[in-house]
Amino acid sequence: RKRIGSNTYKNAAAYKDDLRLMFDNARTYNQEGSWVYIDAEEMEKAFEGAWDRYVVGSGLPGAPDG
């Protein structure tokens, strides 16, 4: 939240990369099957769906073309 408010991300791709790192870290440092690991998987799926719906083709800097 702090990074979004402080304009840390220069474009949408940088934001996505940071979230992907967070999901990867949750899986790396937590046991498979733990609630943290499972929640990371579910949140990543939800994020990817939202990304495809709202960011792809949006014209935002760093957003992929639709």
PDB file of N, CA and C in Angstrom:
ATOM      1  N   ARG A   1       0.825  -1.186   0.000  1.00  0.00           N
ATOM      2  CA  ARG A   1       0.000   0.000   0.000  1.00  0.00           C
ATOM      3  C   ARG A   1       0.871   1.253   0.000  1.00  0.00           C
ATOM      4  N   LYS A   2       1.942   1.212   0.781  1.00  0.00           N
ATOM      5  CA  LYS A   2       2.824   2.374   0.871  1.00  0.00           C
ATOM      6  C   LYS A   2       3.479   2.673  -0.476  1.00  0.00           C
ATOM      7  N   ARG A   3       3.868   1.638  -1.196  1.00  0.00           N
ATOM      8  CA  ARG A   3       4.537   1.839  -2.484  1.00  0.00           C
ATOM      9  C   ARG A   3       3.599   2.432  -3.524  1.00  0.00           C
ATOM     10  N   ILE A   4       2.338   2.026  -3.500  1.00  0.00           N
ATOM     11  CA  ILE A   4       1.378   2.572  -4.465  1.00  0.00           C
ATOM     12  C   ILE A   4       1.180   4.061  -4.204  1.00  0.00           C
ATOM     13  N   GLY A   5       1.008   4.419  -2.947  1.00  0.00           N
ATOM     14  CA  GLY A   5       0.775   5.809  -2.579  1.00  0.00           C
ATOM     15  C   GLY A   5       1.964   6.720  -2.810  1.00  0.00           C
ATOM     16  N   SER A   6       3.157   6.159  -2.837  1.00  0.00           N
ATOM     17  CA  SER A   6       4.354   6.985  -2.999  1.00  0.00           C
ATOM     18  C   SER A   6       4.885   6.982  -4.433  1.00  0.00           C
ATOM     19  N   ASN A   7       4.091   6.478  -5.358  1.00  0.00           N
ATOM     20  CA  ASN A   7       4.473   6.435  -6.778  1.00  0.00           C
ATOM     21  C   ASN A   7       5.778   5.675  -7.021  1.00  0.00           C
ATOM     22  N   THR A   8       5.979   4.604  -6.272  1.00  0.00           N
ATOM     23  CA  THR A   8       7.167   3.766  -6.440  1.00  0.00           C
ATOM     24  C   THR A   8       7.168   3.093  -7.800  1.00  0.00           C
ATOM     25  N   TYR A   9       6.003   2.694  -8.249  1.00  0.00           N
ATOM     26  CA  TYR A   9       5.904   1.960  -9.510  1.00  0.00           C
ATOM     27  C   TYR A   9       5.846   2.930 -10.677  1.00  0.00           C
ATOM     28  N   LYS A  10       6.742   2.736 -11.623  1.00  0.00           N
ATOM     29  CA  LYS A  10       6.793   3.618 -12.794  1.00  0.00           C
ATOM     30  C   LYS A  10       5.774   3.229 -13.854  1.00  0.00           C
ATOM     31  N   ASN A  11       5.316   1.973 -13.802  1.00  0.00           N
ATOM     32  CA  ASN A  11       4.321   1.516 -14.770  1.00  0.00           C
ATOM     33  C   ASN A  11       3.619   0.269 -14.234  1.00  0.00           C
ATOM     34  N   ALA A  12       2.618  -0.179 -14.953  1.00  0.00           N
ATOM     35  CA  ALA A  12       1.808  -1.319 -14.519  1.00  0.00           C
ATOM     36  C   ALA A  12       2.634  -2.598 -14.440  1.00  0.00           C
ATOM     37  N   ALA A  13       3.588  -2.754 -15.341  1.00  0.00           N
ATOM     38  CA  ALA A  13       4.416  -3.962 -15.344  1.00  0.00           C
ATOM     39  C   ALA A  13       5.254  -4.059 -14.069  1.00  0.00           C
ATOM     40  N   ALA A  14       5.765  -2.939 -13.573  1.00  0.00           N
ATOM     41  CA  ALA A  14       6.553  -2.937 -12.336  1.00  0.00           C
ATOM     42  C   ALA A  14       5.686  -3.348 -11.151  1.00  0.00           C
ATOM     43  N   TYR A  15       4.454  -2.884 -11.135  1.00  0.00           N
ATOM     44  CA  TYR A  15       3.511  -3.265 -10.081  1.00  0.00           C
ATOM     45  C   TYR A  15       3.251  -4.769 -10.123  1.00  0.00           C
ATOM     46  N   LYS A  16       3.012  -5.289 -11.314  1.00  0.00           N
ATOM     47  CA  LYS A  16       2.741  -6.719 -11.459  1.00  0.00           C
ATOM     48  C   LYS A  16       3.953  -7.542 -11.029  1.00  0.00           C
ATOM     49  N   ASP A  17       5.136  -7.104 -11.401  1.00  0.00           N
ATOM     50  CA  ASP A  17       6.356  -7.815 -11.007  1.00  0.00           C
ATOM     51  C   ASP A  17       6.490  -7.887  -9.488  1.00  0.00           C
ATOM     52  N   ASP A  18       6.177  -6.794  -8.801  1.00  0.00           N
ATOM     53  CA  ASP A  18       6.293  -6.762  -7.343  1.00  0.00           C
ATOM     54  C   ASP A  18       5.276  -7.698  -6.691  1.00  0.00           C
ATOM     55  N   LEU A  19       4.061  -7.712  -7.206  1.00  0.00           N
ATOM     56  CA  LEU A  19       3.066  -8.624  -6.653  1.00  0.00           C
ATOM     57  C   LEU A  19       3.436 -10.074  -6.923  1.00  0.00           C
ATOM     58  N   ARG A  20       3.963 -10.343  -8.092  1.00  0.00           N
ATOM     59  CA  ARG A  20       4.396 -11.699  -8.420  1.00  0.00           C
ATOM     60  C   ARG A  20       5.498 -12.156  -7.456  1.00  0.00           C
ATOM     61  N   LEU A  21       6.407 -11.255  -7.120  1.00  0.00           N
ATOM     62  CA  LEU A  21       7.461 -11.563  -6.153  1.00  0.00           C
ATOM     63  C   LEU A  21       6.859 -11.898  -4.789  1.00  0.00           C
ATOM     64  N   MET A  22       5.846 -11.144  -4.379  1.00  0.00           N
ATOM     65  CA  MET A  22       5.187 -11.406  -3.106  1.00  0.00           C
ATOM     66  C   MET A  22       4.561 -12.801  -3.096  1.00  0.00           C
ATOM     67  N   PHE A  23       3.868 -13.168  -4.167  1.00  0.00           N
ATOM     68  CA  PHE A  23       3.257 -14.495  -4.243  1.00  0.00           C
ATOM     69  C   PHE A  23       4.329 -15.584  -4.249  1.00  0.00           C
ATOM     70  N   ASP A  24       5.390 -15.367  -5.009  1.00  0.00           N
ATOM     71  CA  ASP A  24       6.485 -16.344  -5.060  1.00  0.00           C
ATOM     72  C   ASP A  24       7.127 -16.519  -3.686  1.00  0.00           C
ATOM     73  N   ASN A  25       7.356 -15.417  -2.980  1.00  0.00           N
ATOM     74  CA  ASN A  25       7.946 -15.502  -1.645  1.00  0.00           C
ATOM     75  C   ASN A  25       7.041 -16.245  -0.669  1.00  0.00           C
ATOM     76  N   ALA A  26       5.748 -16.018  -0.769  1.00  0.00           N
ATOM     77  CA  ALA A  26       4.811 -16.718   0.115  1.00  0.00           C
ATOM     78  C   ALA A  26       4.892 -18.221  -0.102  1.00  0.00           C
ATOM     79  N   ARG A  27       5.066 -18.635  -1.345  1.00  0.00           N
ATOM     80  CA  ARG A  27       5.185 -20.073  -1.632  1.00  0.00           C
ATOM     81  C   ARG A  27       6.563 -20.612  -1.253  1.00  0.00           C
ATOM     82  N   THR A  28       7.591 -19.805  -1.449  1.00  0.00           N
ATOM     83  CA  THR A  28       8.956 -20.251  -1.154  1.00  0.00           C
ATOM     84  C   THR A  28       9.178 -20.431   0.345  1.00  0.00           C
ATOM     85  N   TYR A  29       8.679 -19.514   1.152  1.00  0.00           N
ATOM     86  CA  TYR A  29       8.987 -19.501   2.580  1.00  0.00           C
ATOM     87  C   TYR A  29       7.897 -20.096   3.461  1.00  0.00           C
ATOM     88  N   ASN A  30       6.889 -20.685   2.853  1.00  0.00           N
ATOM     89  CA  ASN A  30       5.838 -21.359   3.613  1.00  0.00           C
ATOM     90  C   ASN A  30       5.628 -22.745   3.032  1.00  0.00           C
ATOM     91  N   GLN A  31       5.273 -23.644   3.906  1.00  0.00           N
ATOM     92  CA  GLN A  31       5.116 -25.039   3.510  1.00  0.00           C
ATOM     93  C   GLN A  31       3.928 -25.196   2.562  1.00  0.00           C
ATOM     94  N   GLU A  32       4.134 -26.009   1.522  1.00  0.00           N
ATOM     95  CA  GLU A  32       3.047 -26.309   0.596  1.00  0.00           C
ATOM     96  C   GLU A  32       1.887 -26.898   1.388  1.00  0.00           C
ATOM     97  N   GLY A  33       0.702 -26.387   1.144  1.00  0.00           N
ATOM     98  CA  GLY A  33      -0.482 -26.842   1.858  1.00  0.00           C
ATOM     99  C   GLY A  33      -0.831 -25.985   3.060  1.00  0.00           C
ATOM    100  N   SER A  34       0.095 -25.108   3.491  1.00  0.00           N
ATOM    101  CA  SER A  34      -0.209 -24.214   4.612  1.00  0.00           C
ATOM    102  C   SER A  34      -1.215 -23.162   4.150  1.00  0.00           C
ATOM    103  N   TRP A  35      -1.868 -22.515   5.102  1.00  0.00           N
ATOM    104  CA  TRP A  35      -2.877 -21.529   4.727  1.00  0.00           C
ATOM    105  C   TRP A  35      -2.240 -20.359   3.978  1.00  0.00           C
ATOM    106  N   VAL A  36      -1.008 -19.994   4.322  1.00  0.00           N
ATOM    107  CA  VAL A  36      -0.342 -18.891   3.626  1.00  0.00           C
ATOM    108  C   VAL A  36      -0.070 -19.278   2.169  1.00  0.00           C
ATOM    109  N   TYR A  37       0.428 -20.474   1.966  1.00  0.00           N
ATOM    110  CA  TYR A  37       0.734 -20.975   0.622  1.00  0.00           C
ATOM    111  C   TYR A  37      -0.544 -21.023  -0.213  1.00  0.00           C
ATOM    112  N   ILE A  38      -1.589 -21.590   0.353  1.00  0.00           N
ATOM    113  CA  ILE A  38      -2.865 -21.718  -0.364  1.00  0.00           C
ATOM    114  C   ILE A  38      -3.459 -20.343  -0.669  1.00  0.00           C
ATOM    115  N   ASP A  39      -3.419 -19.443   0.312  1.00  0.00           N
ATOM    116  CA  ASP A  39      -3.948 -18.096   0.079  1.00  0.00           C
ATOM    117  C   ASP A  39      -3.160 -17.367  -1.009  1.00  0.00           C
ATOM    118  N   ALA A  40      -1.848 -17.567  -1.040  1.00  0.00           N
ATOM    119  CA  ALA A  40      -1.033 -16.941  -2.087  1.00  0.00           C
ATOM    120  C   ALA A  40      -1.456 -17.441  -3.461  1.00  0.00           C
ATOM    121  N   GLU A  41      -1.709 -18.734  -3.564  1.00  0.00           N
ATOM    122  CA  GLU A  41      -2.158 -19.299  -4.845  1.00  0.00           C
ATOM    123  C   GLU A  41      -3.500 -18.695  -5.262  1.00  0.00           C
ATOM    124  N   GLU A  42      -4.432 -18.610  -4.319  1.00  0.00           N
ATOM    125  CA  GLU A  42      -5.761 -18.079  -4.629  1.00  0.00           C
ATOM    126  C   GLU A  42      -5.705 -16.592  -4.971  1.00  0.00           C
ATOM    127  N   MET A  43      -4.913 -15.830  -4.215  1.00  0.00           N
ATOM    128  CA  MET A  43      -4.805 -14.400  -4.496  1.00  0.00           C
ATOM    129  C   MET A  43      -4.128 -14.148  -5.836  1.00  0.00           C
ATOM    130  N   GLU A  44      -3.151 -14.970  -6.180  1.00  0.00           N
ATOM    131  CA  GLU A  44      -2.485 -14.799  -7.472  1.00  0.00           C
ATOM    132  C   GLU A  44      -3.459 -15.057  -8.617  1.00  0.00           C
ATOM    133  N   LYS A  45      -4.290 -16.077  -8.483  1.00  0.00           N
ATOM    134  CA  LYS A  45      -5.295 -16.353  -9.521  1.00  0.00           C
ATOM    135  C   LYS A  45      -6.269 -15.185  -9.654  1.00  0.00           C
ATOM    136  N   ALA A  46      -6.717 -14.653  -8.512  1.00  0.00           N
ATOM    137  CA  ALA A  46      -7.641 -13.516  -8.536  1.00  0.00           C
ATOM    138  C   ALA A  46      -6.966 -12.290  -9.153  1.00  0.00           C
ATOM    139  N   PHE A  47      -5.716 -12.064  -8.794  1.00  0.00           N
ATOM    140  CA  PHE A  47      -4.976 -10.929  -9.351  1.00  0.00           C
ATOM    141  C   PHE A  47      -4.824 -11.064 -10.857  1.00  0.00           C
ATOM    142  N   GLU A  48      -4.458 -12.246 -11.325  1.00  0.00           N
ATOM    143  CA  GLU A  48      -4.279 -12.455 -12.769  1.00  0.00           C
ATOM    144  C   GLU A  48      -5.589 -12.208 -13.519  1.00  0.00           C
ATOM    145  N   GLY A  49      -6.705 -12.651 -12.948  1.00  0.00           N
ATOM    146  CA  GLY A  49      -8.002 -12.405 -13.574  1.00  0.00           C
ATOM    147  C   GLY A  49      -8.328 -10.924 -13.640  1.00  0.00           C
ATOM    148  N   ALA A  50      -8.076 -10.217 -12.542  1.00  0.00           N
ATOM    149  CA  ALA A  50      -8.327  -8.776 -12.513  1.00  0.00           C
ATOM    150  C   ALA A  50      -7.387  -8.046 -13.474  1.00  0.00           C
ATOM    151  N   TRP A  51      -6.150  -8.488 -13.526  1.00  0.00           N
ATOM    152  CA  TRP A  51      -5.173  -7.891 -14.450  1.00  0.00           C
ATOM    153  C   TRP A  51      -5.674  -8.013 -15.884  1.00  0.00           C
ATOM    154  N   ASP A  52      -6.102  -9.206 -16.244  1.00  0.00           N
ATOM    155  CA  ASP A  52      -6.583  -9.434 -17.611  1.00  0.00           C
ATOM    156  C   ASP A  52      -7.823  -8.602 -17.922  1.00  0.00           C
ATOM    157  N   ARG A  53      -8.712  -8.440 -16.943  1.00  0.00           N
ATOM    158  CA  ARG A  53      -9.949  -7.689 -17.163  1.00  0.00           C
ATOM    159  C   ARG A  53      -9.730  -6.183 -17.208  1.00  0.00           C
ATOM    160  N   TYR A  54      -8.880  -5.674 -16.311  1.00  0.00           N
ATOM    161  CA  TYR A  54      -8.811  -4.226 -16.127  1.00  0.00           C
ATOM    162  C   TYR A  54      -7.540  -3.556 -16.645  1.00  0.00           C
ATOM    163  N   VAL A  55      -6.460  -4.290 -16.767  1.00  0.00           N
ATOM    164  CA  VAL A  55      -5.199  -3.655 -17.137  1.00  0.00           C
ATOM    165  C   VAL A  55      -4.826  -3.917 -18.590  1.00  0.00           C
ATOM    166  N   VAL A  56      -4.944  -5.164 -19.028  1.00  0.00           N
ATOM    167  CA  VAL A  56      -4.592  -5.501 -20.410  1.00  0.00           C
ATOM    168  C   VAL A  56      -5.461  -4.672 -21.360  1.00  0.00           C
ATOM    169  N   GLY A  57      -4.811  -3.957 -22.241  1.00  0.00           N
ATOM    170  CA  GLY A  57      -5.528  -3.134 -23.212  1.00  0.00           C
ATOM    171  C   GLY A  57      -6.049  -1.817 -22.668  1.00  0.00           C
ATOM    172  N   SER A  58      -5.671  -1.472 -21.433  1.00  0.00           N
ATOM    173  CA  SER A  58      -6.191  -0.259 -20.802  1.00  0.00           C
ATOM    174  C   SER A  58      -5.484   1.012 -21.255  1.00  0.00           C
ATOM    175  N   GLY A  59      -4.298   0.854 -21.822  1.00  0.00           N
ATOM    176  CA  GLY A  59      -3.522   2.022 -22.201  1.00  0.00           C
ATOM    177  C   GLY A  59      -2.653   2.567 -21.084  1.00  0.00           C
ATOM    178  N   LEU A  60      -2.691   1.932 -19.916  1.00  0.00           N
ATOM    179  CA  LEU A  60      -1.822   2.352 -18.818  1.00  0.00           C
ATOM    180  C   LEU A  60      -0.362   2.140 -19.211  1.00  0.00           C
ATOM    181  N   PRO A  61       0.535   2.989 -18.732  1.00  0.00           N
ATOM    182  CA  PRO A  61       1.954   2.777 -19.026  1.00  0.00           C
ATOM    183  C   PRO A  61       2.402   1.396 -18.540  1.00  0.00           C
ATOM    184  N   GLY A  62       3.034   0.650 -19.414  1.00  0.00           N
ATOM    185  CA  GLY A  62       3.518  -0.680 -19.070  1.00  0.00           C
ATOM    186  C   GLY A  62       2.489  -1.782 -19.163  1.00  0.00           C
ATOM    187  N   ALA A  63       1.253  -1.443 -19.503  1.00  0.00           N
ATOM    188  CA  ALA A  63       0.202  -2.457 -19.640  1.00  0.00           C
ATOM    189  C   ALA A  63       0.300  -3.105 -21.016  1.00  0.00           C
ATOM    190  N   PRO A  64       0.119  -4.425 -21.063  1.00  0.00           N
ATOM    191  CA  PRO A  64       0.150  -5.085 -22.373  1.00  0.00           C
ATOM    192  C   PRO A  64      -1.044  -4.676 -23.230  1.00  0.00           C
ATOM    193  N   ASP A  65      -0.862  -4.726 -24.528  1.00  0.00           N
ATOM    194  CA  ASP A  65      -1.963  -4.439 -25.452  1.00  0.00           C
ATOM    195  C   ASP A  65      -2.975  -5.571 -25.402  1.00  0.00           C
ATOM    196  N   GLY A  66      -4.216  -5.227 -25.607  1.00  0.00           N
ATOM    197  CA  GLY A  66      -5.285  -6.220 -25.580  1.00  0.00           C
ATOM    198  C   GLY A  66      -5.487  -6.799 -26.892  1.00  0.00           C
TER     199      GLY A  66
END
